[in-house]
PDB file of N, CA and C in Angstrom:
ATOM      1  N   MET A   1     -30.308   8.632-111.495  1.00  0.00           N
ATOM      2  CA  MET A   1     -30.001   7.361-110.865  1.00  0.00           C
ATOM      3  C   MET A   1     -31.139   6.383-111.102  1.00  0.00           C
ATOM      4  N   LYS A   2     -30.776   5.142-111.231  1.00  0.00           N
ATOM      5  CA  LYS A   2     -31.796   4.135-111.478  1.00  0.00           C
ATOM      6  C   LYS A   2     -32.183   3.412-110.196  1.00  0.00           C
ATOM      7  N   THR A   3     -33.306   2.748-110.248  1.00  0.00           N
ATOM      8  CA  THR A   3     -33.739   1.894-109.154  1.00  0.00           C
ATOM      9  C   THR A   3     -33.194   0.504-109.403  1.00  0.00           C
ATOM     10  N   PHE A   4     -32.734  -0.159-108.355  1.00  0.00           N
ATOM     11  CA  PHE A   4     -32.281  -1.526-108.532  1.00  0.00           C
ATOM     12  C   PHE A   4     -32.959  -2.429-107.523  1.00  0.00           C
ATOM     13  N   LEU A   5     -33.106  -3.672-107.923  1.00  0.00           N
ATOM     14  CA  LEU A   5     -33.808  -4.679-107.147  1.00  0.00           C
ATOM     15  C   LEU A   5     -33.033  -5.974-107.274  1.00  0.00           C
ATOM     16  N   GLY A   6     -32.828  -6.634-106.170  1.00  0.00           N
ATOM     17  CA  GLY A   6     -32.144  -7.923-106.180  1.00  0.00           C
ATOM     18  C   GLY A   6     -32.855  -8.879-105.254  1.00  0.00           C
ATOM     19  N   THR A   7     -32.585 -10.147-105.435  1.00  0.00           N
ATOM     20  CA  THR A   7     -33.201 -11.160-104.582  1.00  0.00           C
ATOM     21  C   THR A   7     -32.158 -12.184-104.167  1.00  0.00           C
ATOM     22  N   GLY A   8     -32.457 -12.893-103.122  1.00  0.00           N
ATOM     23  CA  GLY A   8     -31.626 -13.981-102.636  1.00  0.00           C
ATOM     24  C   GLY A   8     -32.191 -14.468-101.323  1.00  0.00           C
ATOM     25  N   ASP A   9     -31.799 -15.642-100.925  1.00  0.00           N
ATOM     26  CA  ASP A   9     -32.202 -16.141 -99.611  1.00  0.00           C
ATOM     27  C   ASP A   9     -31.114 -15.728 -98.631  1.00  0.00           C
ATOM     28  N   PHE A  10     -31.163 -14.484 -98.186  1.00  0.00           N
ATOM     29  CA  PHE A  10     -30.090 -13.897 -97.394  1.00  0.00           C
ATOM     30  C   PHE A  10     -29.935 -14.525 -96.010  1.00  0.00           C
ATOM     31  N   ASN A  11     -31.010 -15.077 -95.444  1.00  0.00           N
ATOM     32  CA  ASN A  11     -30.932 -15.657 -94.097  1.00  0.00           C
ATOM     33  C   ASN A  11     -31.132 -17.173 -94.079  1.00  0.00           C
ATOM     34  N   HIS A  12     -31.082 -17.820 -95.218  1.00  0.00           N
ATOM     35  CA  HIS A  12     -31.122 -19.290 -95.330  1.00  0.00           C
ATOM     36  C   HIS A  12     -32.361 -19.924 -94.692  1.00  0.00           C
ATOM     37  N   ASP A  13     -33.512 -19.267 -94.826  1.00  0.00           N
ATOM     38  CA  ASP A  13     -34.740 -19.860 -94.285  1.00  0.00           C
ATOM     39  C   ASP A  13     -35.586 -20.512 -95.376  1.00  0.00           C
ATOM     40  N   GLY A  14     -35.080 -20.519 -96.616  1.00  0.00           N
ATOM     41  CA  GLY A  14     -35.806 -21.124 -97.718  1.00  0.00           C
ATOM     42  C   GLY A  14     -36.755 -20.183 -98.437  1.00  0.00           C
ATOM     43  N   PHE A  15     -36.817 -18.917 -98.014  1.00  0.00           N
ATOM     44  CA  PHE A  15     -37.704 -17.930 -98.627  1.00  0.00           C
ATOM     45  C   PHE A  15     -36.872 -16.840 -99.311  1.00  0.00           C
ATOM     46  N   ILE A  16     -37.363 -16.345-100.433  1.00  0.00           N
ATOM     47  CA  ILE A  16     -36.653 -15.321-101.193  1.00  0.00           C
ATOM     48  C   ILE A  16     -36.823 -13.958-100.518  1.00  0.00           C
ATOM     49  N   ASP A  17     -35.704 -13.304-100.263  1.00  0.00           N
ATOM     50  CA  ASP A  17     -35.664 -11.987 -99.657  1.00  0.00           C
ATOM     51  C   ASP A  17     -35.391 -10.948-100.750  1.00  0.00           C
ATOM     52  N   ILE A  18     -35.586  -9.673-100.424  1.00  0.00           N
ATOM     53  CA  ILE A  18     -35.472  -8.604-101.416  1.00  0.00           C
ATOM     54  C   ILE A  18     -34.420  -7.583-100.991  1.00  0.00           C
ATOM     55  N   LEU A  19     -33.672  -7.115-101.977  1.00  0.00           N
ATOM     56  CA  LEU A  19     -32.736  -6.002-101.832  1.00  0.00           C
ATOM     57  C   LEU A  19     -33.284  -4.870-102.696  1.00  0.00           C
ATOM     58  N   LEU A  20     -33.358  -3.663-102.154  1.00  0.00           N
ATOM     59  CA  LEU A  20     -33.945  -2.546-102.881  1.00  0.00           C
ATOM     60  C   LEU A  20     -33.102  -1.292-102.685  1.00  0.00           C
ATOM     61  N   GLY A  21     -32.964  -0.523-103.736  1.00  0.00           N
ATOM     62  CA  GLY A  21     -32.309   0.778-103.681  1.00  0.00           C
ATOM     63  C   GLY A  21     -32.763   1.581-104.878  1.00  0.00           C
ATOM     64  N   GLY A  22     -32.447   2.859-104.907  1.00  0.00           N
ATOM     65  CA  GLY A  22     -32.849   3.619-106.071  1.00  0.00           C
ATOM     66  C   GLY A  22     -32.678   5.100-105.932  1.00  0.00           C
ATOM     67  N   PRO A  23     -33.295   5.838-106.823  1.00  0.00           N
ATOM     68  CA  PRO A  23     -33.109   7.286-106.878  1.00  0.00           C
ATOM     69  C   PRO A  23     -33.783   8.005-105.714  1.00  0.00           C
ATOM     70  N   LYS A  24     -33.460   9.277-105.611  1.00  0.00           N
ATOM     71  CA  LYS A  24     -34.021  10.109-104.549  1.00  0.00           C
ATOM     72  C   LYS A  24     -35.527  10.234-104.729  1.00  0.00           C
ATOM     73  N   HIS A  25     -36.259  10.021-103.643  1.00  0.00           N
ATOM     74  CA  HIS A  25     -37.711  10.190-103.634  1.00  0.00           C
ATOM     75  C   HIS A  25     -38.054  11.127-102.488  1.00  0.00           C
ATOM     76  N   GLY A  26     -38.528  12.301-102.806  1.00  0.00           N
ATOM     77  CA  GLY A  26     -38.883  13.253-101.759  1.00  0.00           C
ATOM     78  C   GLY A  26     -37.667  13.603-100.925  1.00  0.00           C
ATOM     79  N   ARG A  27     -37.792  13.504 -99.630  1.00  0.00           N
ATOM     80  CA  ARG A  27     -36.690  13.831 -98.731  1.00  0.00           C
ATOM     81  C   ARG A  27     -35.681  12.696 -98.598  1.00  0.00           C
ATOM     82  N   ARG A  28     -36.070  11.501 -98.909  1.00  0.00           N
ATOM     83  CA  ARG A  28     -35.189  10.344 -98.735  1.00  0.00           C
ATOM     84  C   ARG A  28     -34.265  10.188 -99.926  1.00  0.00           C
ATOM     85  N   GLN A  29     -33.022   9.975 -99.658  1.00  0.00           N
ATOM     86  CA  GLN A  29     -32.064   9.737-100.726  1.00  0.00           C
ATOM     87  C   GLN A  29     -31.783   8.246-100.769  1.00  0.00           C
ATOM     88  N   LEU A  30     -32.632   7.527-101.485  1.00  0.00           N
ATOM     89  CA  LEU A  30     -32.503   6.081-101.549  1.00  0.00           C
ATOM     90  C   LEU A  30     -31.265   5.641-102.306  1.00  0.00           C
ATOM     91  N   ASN A  31     -30.715   6.524-103.150  1.00  0.00           N
ATOM     92  CA  ASN A  31     -29.516   6.145-103.876  1.00  0.00           C
ATOM     93  C   ASN A  31     -28.293   6.132-102.964  1.00  0.00           C
ATOM     94  N   HIS A  32     -28.453   6.516-101.708  1.00  0.00           N
ATOM     95  CA  HIS A  32     -27.371   6.483-100.743  1.00  0.00           C
ATOM     96  C   HIS A  32     -27.547   5.348 -99.745  1.00  0.00           C
ATOM     97  N   ARG A  33     -28.474   4.444-100.038  1.00  0.00           N
ATOM     98  CA  ARG A  33     -28.651   3.301 -99.139  1.00  0.00           C
ATOM     99  C   ARG A  33     -29.261   2.123 -99.880  1.00  0.00           C
ATOM    100  N   ILE A  34     -29.095   0.996 -99.252  1.00  0.00           N
ATOM    101  CA  ILE A  34     -29.690  -0.259 -99.721  1.00  0.00           C
ATOM    102  C   ILE A  34     -30.597  -0.757 -98.607  1.00  0.00           C
ATOM    103  N   SER A  35     -31.754  -1.261 -98.982  1.00  0.00           N
ATOM    104  CA  SER A  35     -32.684  -1.842 -98.013  1.00  0.00           C
ATOM    105  C   SER A  35     -32.737  -3.347 -98.234  1.00  0.00           C
ATOM    106  N   ILE A  36     -32.673  -4.103 -97.150  1.00  0.00           N
ATOM    107  CA  ILE A  36     -32.829  -5.556 -97.195  1.00  0.00           C
ATOM    108  C   ILE A  36     -34.134  -5.887 -96.488  1.00  0.00           C
ATOM    109  N   LEU A  37     -35.029  -6.575 -97.207  1.00  0.00           N
ATOM    110  CA  LEU A  37     -36.301  -6.990 -96.623  1.00  0.00           C
ATOM    111  C   LEU A  37     -36.329  -8.512 -96.574  1.00  0.00           C
ATOM    112  N   LEU A  38     -36.322  -9.060 -95.371  1.00  0.00           N
ATOM    113  CA  LEU A  38     -36.359 -10.505 -95.199  1.00  0.00           C
ATOM    114  C   LEU A  38     -37.796 -10.998 -95.251  1.00  0.00           C
ATOM    115  N   SER A  39     -37.998 -12.083 -95.970  1.00  0.00           N
ATOM    116  CA  SER A  39     -39.339 -12.631 -96.175  1.00  0.00           C
ATOM    117  C   SER A  39     -39.844 -13.328 -94.920  1.00  0.00           C
ATOM    118  N   ASN A  40     -41.156 -13.211 -94.699  1.00  0.00           N
ATOM    119  CA  ASN A  40     -41.824 -13.966 -93.639  1.00  0.00           C
ATOM    120  C   ASN A  40     -42.312 -15.318 -94.148  1.00  0.00           C
ATOM    121  N   GLY A  41     -42.195 -15.536 -95.456  1.00  0.00           N
ATOM    122  CA  GLY A  41     -42.616 -16.807 -96.036  1.00  0.00           C
ATOM    123  C   GLY A  41     -44.073 -16.876 -96.423  1.00  0.00           C
ATOM    124  N   ASP A  42     -44.816 -15.795 -96.201  1.00  0.00           N
ATOM    125  CA  ASP A  42     -46.244 -15.790 -96.524  1.00  0.00           C
ATOM    126  C   ASP A  42     -46.603 -14.655 -97.492  1.00  0.00           C
ATOM    127  N   GLY A  43     -45.586 -14.128 -98.189  1.00  0.00           N
ATOM    128  CA  GLY A  43     -45.807 -13.017 -99.108  1.00  0.00           C
ATOM    129  C   GLY A  43     -45.606 -11.651 -98.474  1.00  0.00           C
ATOM    130  N   THR A  44     -45.334 -11.627 -97.182  1.00  0.00           N
ATOM    131  CA  THR A  44     -45.048 -10.372 -96.490  1.00  0.00           C
ATOM    132  C   THR A  44     -43.572 -10.359 -96.089  1.00  0.00           C
ATOM    133  N   PHE A  45     -43.109  -9.169 -95.692  1.00  0.00           N
ATOM    134  CA  PHE A  45     -41.696  -9.008 -95.367  1.00  0.00           C
ATOM    135  C   PHE A  45     -41.517  -8.292 -94.044  1.00  0.00           C
ATOM    136  N   GLN A  46     -40.386  -8.553 -93.389  1.00  0.00           N
ATOM    137  CA  GLN A  46     -40.036  -7.860 -92.159  1.00  0.00           C
ATOM    138  C   GLN A  46     -39.671  -6.418 -92.482  1.00  0.00           C
ATOM    139  N   PRO A  47     -39.669  -5.532 -91.491  1.00  0.00           N
ATOM    140  CA  PRO A  47     -39.250  -4.148 -91.752  1.00  0.00           C
ATOM    141  C   PRO A  47     -37.835  -4.131 -92.349  1.00  0.00           C
ATOM    142  N   PRO A  48     -37.561  -3.189 -93.236  1.00  0.00           N
ATOM    143  CA  PRO A  48     -36.256  -3.167 -93.898  1.00  0.00           C
ATOM    144  C   PRO A  48     -35.108  -2.871 -92.946  1.00  0.00           C
ATOM    145  N   VAL A  49     -33.951  -3.445 -93.277  1.00  0.00           N
ATOM    146  CA  VAL A  49     -32.693  -3.110 -92.627  1.00  0.00           C
ATOM    147  C   VAL A  49     -31.924  -2.282 -93.645  1.00  0.00           C
ATOM    148  N   TYR A  50     -31.428  -1.115 -93.223  1.00  0.00           N
ATOM    149  CA  TYR A  50     -30.780  -0.188 -94.146  1.00  0.00           C
ATOM    150  C   TYR A  50     -29.265  -0.220 -93.991  1.00  0.00           C
ATOM    151  N   TYR A  51     -28.587  -0.112 -95.124  1.00  0.00           N
ATOM    152  CA  TYR A  51     -27.139   0.045 -95.178  1.00  0.00           C
ATOM    153  C   TYR A  51     -26.873   1.331 -95.954  1.00  0.00           C
ATOM    154  N   SER A  52     -26.145   2.266 -95.346  1.00  0.00           N
ATOM    155  CA  SER A  52     -25.913   3.580 -95.946  1.00  0.00           C
ATOM    156  C   SER A  52     -24.573   3.646 -96.660  1.00  0.00           C
ATOM    157  N   PHE A  53     -24.552   4.439 -97.726  1.00  0.00           N
ATOM    158  CA  PHE A  53     -23.363   4.639 -98.540  1.00  0.00           C
ATOM    159  C   PHE A  53     -23.250   6.125 -98.847  1.00  0.00           C
ATOM    160  N   PRO A  54     -22.370   6.854 -98.143  1.00  0.00           N
ATOM    161  CA  PRO A  54     -22.277   8.299 -98.309  1.00  0.00           C
ATOM    162  C   PRO A  54     -21.980   8.744 -99.746  1.00  0.00           C
ATOM    163  N   ASN A  55     -21.267   7.925-100.513  1.00  0.00           N
ATOM    164  CA  ASN A  55     -20.925   8.299-101.888  1.00  0.00           C
ATOM    165  C   ASN A  55     -21.959   7.833-102.905  1.00  0.00           C
ATOM    166  N   GLY A  56     -23.075   7.310-102.452  1.00  0.00           N
ATOM    167  CA  GLY A  56     -24.114   6.840-103.355  1.00  0.00           C
ATOM    168  C   GLY A  56     -23.871   5.414-103.817  1.00  0.00           C
ATOM    169  N   VAL A  57     -24.859   4.885-104.491  1.00  0.00           N
ATOM    170  CA  VAL A  57     -24.813   3.516-105.022  1.00  0.00           C
ATOM    171  C   VAL A  57     -25.219   3.579-106.484  1.00  0.00           C
ATOM    172  N   THR A  58     -24.416   2.978-107.351  1.00  0.00           N
ATOM    173  CA  THR A  58     -24.764   2.972-108.768  1.00  0.00           C
ATOM    174  C   THR A  58     -25.181   1.598-109.259  1.00  0.00           C
ATOM    175  N   GLU A  59     -24.775   0.547-108.552  1.00  0.00           N
ATOM    176  CA  GLU A  59     -25.143  -0.822-108.954  1.00  0.00           C
ATOM    177  C   GLU A  59     -24.885  -1.763-107.787  1.00  0.00           C
ATOM    178  N   VAL A  60     -25.665  -2.839-107.719  1.00  0.00           N
ATOM    179  CA  VAL A  60     -25.474  -3.868-106.696  1.00  0.00           C
ATOM    180  C   VAL A  60     -25.607  -5.232-107.357  1.00  0.00           C
ATOM    181  N   VAL A  61     -24.715  -6.139-107.003  1.00  0.00           N
ATOM    182  CA  VAL A  61     -24.769  -7.515-107.494  1.00  0.00           C
ATOM    183  C   VAL A  61     -24.775  -8.436-106.282  1.00  0.00           C
ATOM    184  N   VAL A  62     -25.651  -9.451-106.312  1.00  0.00           N
ATOM    185  CA  VAL A  62     -25.720 -10.453-105.254  1.00  0.00           C
ATOM    186  C   VAL A  62     -25.045 -11.721-105.756  1.00  0.00           C
ATOM    187  N   ALA A  63     -24.045 -12.207-105.004  1.00  0.00           N
ATOM    188  CA  ALA A  63     -23.345 -13.452-105.347  1.00  0.00           C
ATOM    189  C   ALA A  63     -22.557 -13.897-104.119  1.00  0.00           C
ATOM    190  N   ASP A  64     -22.135 -15.140-104.112  1.00  0.00           N
ATOM    191  CA  ASP A  64     -21.298 -15.646-103.022  1.00  0.00           C
ATOM    192  C   ASP A  64     -19.840 -15.449-103.416  1.00  0.00           C
ATOM    193  N   PHE A  65     -19.274 -14.303-103.058  1.00  0.00           N
ATOM    194  CA  PHE A  65     -17.931 -13.939-103.505  1.00  0.00           C
ATOM    195  C   PHE A  65     -16.815 -14.667-102.761  1.00  0.00           C
ATOM    196  N   ASN A  66     -17.069 -15.142-101.545  1.00  0.00           N
ATOM    197  CA  ASN A  66     -16.004 -15.811-100.798  1.00  0.00           C
ATOM    198  C   ASN A  66     -16.238 -17.314-100.616  1.00  0.00           C
ATOM    199  N   GLY A  67     -17.255 -17.866-101.256  1.00  0.00           N
ATOM    200  CA  GLY A  67     -17.469 -19.305-101.263  1.00  0.00           C
ATOM    201  C   GLY A  67     -17.907 -19.921 -99.951  1.00  0.00           C
ATOM    202  N   ASP A  68     -18.491 -19.124 -99.051  1.00  0.00           N
ATOM    203  CA  ASP A  68     -18.925 -19.671 -97.757  1.00  0.00           C
ATOM    204  C   ASP A  68     -20.388 -20.106 -97.752  1.00  0.00           C
ATOM    205  N   GLY A  69     -21.074 -19.985 -98.889  1.00  0.00           N
ATOM    206  CA  GLY A  69     -22.478 -20.390 -98.969  1.00  0.00           C
ATOM    207  C   GLY A  69     -23.464 -19.287 -98.640  1.00  0.00           C
ATOM    208  N   ASN A  70     -22.977 -18.116 -98.202  1.00  0.00           N
ATOM    209  CA  ASN A  70     -23.848 -16.979 -97.894  1.00  0.00           C
ATOM    210  C   ASN A  70     -23.831 -15.981 -99.042  1.00  0.00           C
ATOM    211  N   PRO A  71     -24.997 -15.444 -99.428  1.00  0.00           N
ATOM    212  CA  PRO A  71     -25.004 -14.401-100.451  1.00  0.00           C
ATOM    213  C   PRO A  71     -24.271 -13.162 -99.939  1.00  0.00           C
ATOM    214  N   ASP A  72     -23.418 -12.594-100.774  1.00  0.00           N
ATOM    215  CA  ASP A  72     -22.690 -11.366-100.477  1.00  0.00           C
ATOM    216  C   ASP A  72     -23.172 -10.286-101.433  1.00  0.00           C
ATOM    217  N   LEU A  73     -22.781  -9.044-101.169  1.00  0.00           N
ATOM    218  CA  LEU A  73     -23.154  -7.927-102.029  1.00  0.00           C
ATOM    219  C   LEU A  73     -21.901  -7.250-102.565  1.00  0.00           C
ATOM    220  N   ALA A  74     -21.881  -6.956-103.852  1.00  0.00           N
ATOM    221  CA  ALA A  74     -20.870  -6.089-104.446  1.00  0.00           C
ATOM    222  C   ALA A  74     -21.591  -4.795-104.790  1.00  0.00           C
ATOM    223  N   VAL A  75     -21.150  -3.706-104.183  1.00  0.00           N
ATOM    224  CA  VAL A  75     -21.808  -2.417-104.339  1.00  0.00           C
ATOM    225  C   VAL A  75     -20.863  -1.467-105.074  1.00  0.00           C
ATOM    226  N   ALA A  76     -21.294  -0.978-106.227  1.00  0.00           N
ATOM    227  CA  ALA A  76     -20.512  -0.001-106.973  1.00  0.00           C
ATOM    228  C   ALA A  76     -20.945   1.390-106.545  1.00  0.00           C
ATOM    229  N   ALA A  77     -19.960   2.226-106.211  1.00  0.00           N
ATOM    230  CA  ALA A  77     -20.231   3.596-105.796  1.00  0.00           C
ATOM    231  C   ALA A  77     -19.083   4.471-106.267  1.00  0.00           C
ATOM    232  N   ASN A  78     -19.386   5.406-107.158  1.00  0.00           N
ATOM    233  CA  ASN A  78     -18.378   6.308-107.712  1.00  0.00           C
ATOM    234  C   ASN A  78     -17.211   5.523-108.275  1.00  0.00           C
ATOM    235  N   SER A  79     -16.029   5.674-107.724  1.00  0.00           N
ATOM    236  CA  SER A  79     -14.845   5.026-108.282  1.00  0.00           C
ATOM    237  C   SER A  79     -14.362   3.867-107.428  1.00  0.00           C
ATOM    238  N   SER A  80     -15.289   3.172-106.776  1.00  0.00           N
ATOM    239  CA  SER A  80     -14.897   2.021-105.963  1.00  0.00           C
ATOM    240  C   SER A  80     -15.991   0.953-105.975  1.00  0.00           C
ATOM    241  N   ILE A  81     -15.565  -0.228-105.599  1.00  0.00           N
ATOM    242  CA  ILE A  81     -16.481  -1.353-105.420  1.00  0.00           C
ATOM    243  C   ILE A  81     -16.306  -1.838-103.998  1.00  0.00           C
ATOM    244  N   LEU A  82     -17.405  -2.025-103.308  1.00  0.00           N
ATOM    245  CA  LEU A  82     -17.398  -2.468-101.925  1.00  0.00           C
ATOM    246  C   LEU A  82     -18.040  -3.847-101.873  1.00  0.00           C
ATOM    247  N   VAL A  83     -17.311  -4.844-101.379  1.00  0.00           N
ATOM    248  CA  VAL A  83     -17.869  -6.184-101.214  1.00  0.00           C
ATOM    249  C   VAL A  83     -18.242  -6.352 -99.747  1.00  0.00           C
ATOM    250  N   MET A  84     -19.538  -6.585 -99.517  1.00  0.00           N
ATOM    251  CA  MET A  84     -20.054  -6.786 -98.162  1.00  0.00           C
ATOM    252  C   MET A  84     -20.361  -8.268 -97.998  1.00  0.00           C
ATOM    253  N   LEU A  85     -19.675  -8.902 -97.065  1.00  0.00           N
ATOM    254  CA  LEU A  85     -19.837 -10.340 -96.861  1.00  0.00           C
ATOM    255  C   LEU A  85     -21.092 -10.616 -96.049  1.00  0.00           C
ATOM    256  N   GLY A  86     -21.891 -11.561 -96.535  1.00  0.00           N
ATOM    257  CA  GLY A  86     -23.148 -11.913 -95.887  1.00  0.00           C
ATOM    258  C   GLY A  86     -22.942 -12.897 -94.751  1.00  0.00           C
ATOM    259  N   SER A  87     -23.795 -12.790 -93.754  1.00  0.00           N
ATOM    260  CA  SER A  87     -23.849 -13.740 -92.644  1.00  0.00           C
ATOM    261  C   SER A  87     -25.080 -14.610 -92.832  1.00  0.00           C
ATOM    262  N   ASP A  88     -25.144 -15.740 -92.164  1.00  0.00           N
ATOM    263  CA  ASP A  88     -26.288 -16.629 -92.378  1.00  0.00           C
ATOM    264  C   ASP A  88     -27.566 -16.138 -91.702  1.00  0.00           C
ATOM    265  N   ASP A  89     -27.511 -14.981 -91.020  1.00  0.00           N
ATOM    266  CA  ASP A  89     -28.718 -14.422 -90.415  1.00  0.00           C
ATOM    267  C   ASP A  89     -29.340 -13.308 -91.251  1.00  0.00           C
ATOM    268  N   GLY A  90     -28.790 -13.076 -92.471  1.00  0.00           N
ATOM    269  CA  GLY A  90     -29.358 -12.071 -93.365  1.00  0.00           C
ATOM    270  C   GLY A  90     -28.745 -10.693 -93.225  1.00  0.00           C
ATOM    271  N   THR A  91     -27.715 -10.561 -92.395  1.00  0.00           N
ATOM    272  CA  THR A  91     -27.024  -9.280 -92.273  1.00  0.00           C
ATOM    273  C   THR A  91     -25.734  -9.314 -93.093  1.00  0.00           C
ATOM    274  N   PHE A  92     -25.162  -8.121 -93.287  1.00  0.00           N
ATOM    275  CA  PHE A  92     -23.937  -7.995 -94.080  1.00  0.00           C
ATOM    276  C   PHE A  92     -22.892  -7.234 -93.285  1.00  0.00           C
ATOM    277  N   LYS A  93     -21.654  -7.722 -93.344  1.00  0.00           N
ATOM    278  CA  LYS A  93     -20.548  -7.096 -92.615  1.00  0.00           C
ATOM    279  C   LYS A  93     -20.006  -5.910 -93.397  1.00  0.00           C
ATOM    280  N   ALA A  94     -19.343  -5.004 -92.673  1.00  0.00           N
ATOM    281  CA  ALA A  94     -18.682  -3.867 -93.318  1.00  0.00           C
ATOM    282  C   ALA A  94     -17.807  -4.383 -94.440  1.00  0.00           C
ATOM    283  N   GLY A  95     -17.802  -3.652 -95.521  1.00  0.00           N
ATOM    284  CA  GLY A  95     -17.216  -4.164 -96.744  1.00  0.00           C
ATOM    285  C   GLY A  95     -15.726  -3.986 -96.915  1.00  0.00           C
ATOM    286  N   ILE A  96     -15.250  -4.652 -97.932  1.00  0.00           N
ATOM    287  CA  ILE A  96     -13.875  -4.557 -98.394  1.00  0.00           C
ATOM    288  C   ILE A  96     -13.917  -3.684 -99.643  1.00  0.00           C
ATOM    289  N   ARG A  97     -13.273  -2.514 -99.571  1.00  0.00           N
ATOM    290  CA  ARG A  97     -13.348  -1.549-100.669  1.00  0.00           C
ATOM    291  C   ARG A  97     -12.176  -1.738-101.621  1.00  0.00           C
ATOM    292  N   THR A  98     -12.490  -1.706-102.916  1.00  0.00           N
ATOM    293  CA  THR A  98     -11.483  -1.772-103.965  1.00  0.00           C
ATOM    294  C   THR A  98     -11.653  -0.558-104.858  1.00  0.00           C
ATOM    295  N   ALA A  99     -10.578   0.220-105.007  1.00  0.00           N
ATOM    296  CA  ALA A  99     -10.628   1.392-105.870  1.00  0.00           C
ATOM    297  C   ALA A  99     -10.624   0.955-107.325  1.00  0.00           C
ATOM    298  N   VAL A 100     -11.386   1.660-108.128  1.00  0.00           N
ATOM    299  CA  VAL A 100     -11.439   1.409-109.562  1.00  0.00           C
ATOM    300  C   VAL A 100     -10.963   2.677-110.245  1.00  0.00           C
ATOM    301  N   SER A 101      -9.887   2.572-110.987  1.00  0.00           N
ATOM    302  CA  SER A 101      -9.286   3.731-111.620  1.00  0.00           C
ATOM    303  C   SER A 101     -10.160   4.252-112.752  1.00  0.00           C
ATOM    304  N   ALA A 102     -10.218   5.572-112.863  1.00  0.00           N
ATOM    305  CA  ALA A 102     -10.943   6.184-113.977  1.00  0.00           C
ATOM    306  C   ALA A 102     -10.141   6.073-115.268  1.00  0.00           C
ATOM    307  N   ASN A 103      -8.837   5.922-115.137  1.00  0.00           N
ATOM    308  CA  ASN A 103      -7.964   5.770-116.305  1.00  0.00           C
ATOM    309  C   ASN A 103      -7.784   4.292-116.589  1.00  0.00           C
ATOM    310  N   ARG A 104      -8.663   3.768-117.370  1.00  0.00           N
ATOM    311  CA  ARG A 104      -8.615   2.338-117.672  1.00  0.00           C
ATOM    312  C   ARG A 104      -7.567   2.061-118.729  1.00  0.00           C
ATOM    313  N   ARG A 105      -6.831   1.012-118.511  1.00  0.00           N
ATOM    314  CA  ARG A 105      -5.879   0.557-119.517  1.00  0.00           C
ATOM    315  C   ARG A 105      -6.427  -0.731-120.076  1.00  0.00           C
ATOM    316  N   THR A 106      -6.577  -0.772-121.342  1.00  0.00           N
ATOM    317  CA  THR A 106      -7.123  -1.971-121.956  1.00  0.00           C
ATOM    318  C   THR A 106      -6.018  -2.750-122.638  1.00  0.00           C
ATOM    319  N   GLN A 107      -6.166  -4.022-122.611  1.00  0.00           N
ATOM    320  CA  GLN A 107      -5.221  -4.921-123.266  1.00  0.00           C
ATOM    321  C   GLN A 107      -5.611  -5.012-124.734  1.00  0.00           C
ATOM    322  N   PRO A 108      -4.646  -4.877-125.632  1.00  0.00           N
ATOM    323  CA  PRO A 108      -5.006  -5.029-127.040  1.00  0.00           C
ATOM    324  C   PRO A 108      -5.474  -6.452-127.300  1.00  0.00           C
ATOM    325  N   PRO A 109      -6.363  -6.649-128.259  1.00  0.00           N
ATOM    326  CA  PRO A 109      -6.864  -7.990-128.521  1.00  0.00           C
ATOM    327  C   PRO A 109      -5.726  -8.906-128.979  1.00  0.00           C
ATOM    328  N   ALA A 110      -5.820 -10.138-128.547  1.00  0.00           N
ATOM    329  CA  ALA A 110      -4.812 -11.116-128.944  1.00  0.00           C
ATOM    330  C   ALA A 110      -4.981 -11.445-130.420  1.00  0.00           C
ATOM    331  N   THR A 111      -3.881 -11.649-131.072  1.00  0.00           N
ATOM    332  CA  THR A 111      -3.942 -12.048-132.472  1.00  0.00           C
ATOM    333  C   THR A 111      -3.465 -13.484-132.575  1.00  0.00           C
ATOM    334  N   SER A 112      -4.027 -14.184-133.475  1.00  0.00           N
ATOM    335  CA  SER A 112      -3.596 -15.564-133.662  1.00  0.00           C
ATOM    336  C   SER A 112      -3.319 -15.783-135.140  1.00  0.00           C
ATOM    337  N   ARG A 113      -2.398 -16.644-135.355  1.00  0.00           N
ATOM    338  CA  ARG A 113      -2.058 -16.993-136.735  1.00  0.00           C
ATOM    339  C   ARG A 113      -2.590 -18.376-137.003  1.00  0.00           C
ATOM    340  N   CYS A 114      -3.256 -18.444-138.050  1.00  0.00           N
ATOM    341  CA  CYS A 114      -3.866 -19.720-138.375  1.00  0.00           C
ATOM    342  C   CYS A 114      -3.144 -20.371-139.535  1.00  0.00           C
ATOM    343  N   CYS A 115      -2.996 -21.604-139.476  1.00  0.00           N
ATOM    344  CA  CYS A 115      -2.572 -22.522-140.527  1.00  0.00           C
ATOM    345  C   CYS A 115      -1.249 -22.167-141.094  1.00  0.00           C
TER     346      CYS A 115
END
């Protein structure tokens, strides 16, 4: 498992916050959780807030998926994607899970006729 790192202003205070997750280290299974560290604005951070994922985490993307101005998280885990909607206080709500089939069907490339 790889380590992943993301950033965003999760609580709208004008300071960049950090999202961290990664492989198992010692007794802690970091690949089963994401840590959010909110910035104090002086180069230090508040204690992490943890979000657990029993099936593990393989990738995380930060974006505003619902257009409300708050950064959201898309978390890939095994055969599903979980979208966690962000609040303006830097927390994330329980996610909306979408199953991703292992049997992918691809569309053949479009052909065009020229001239």
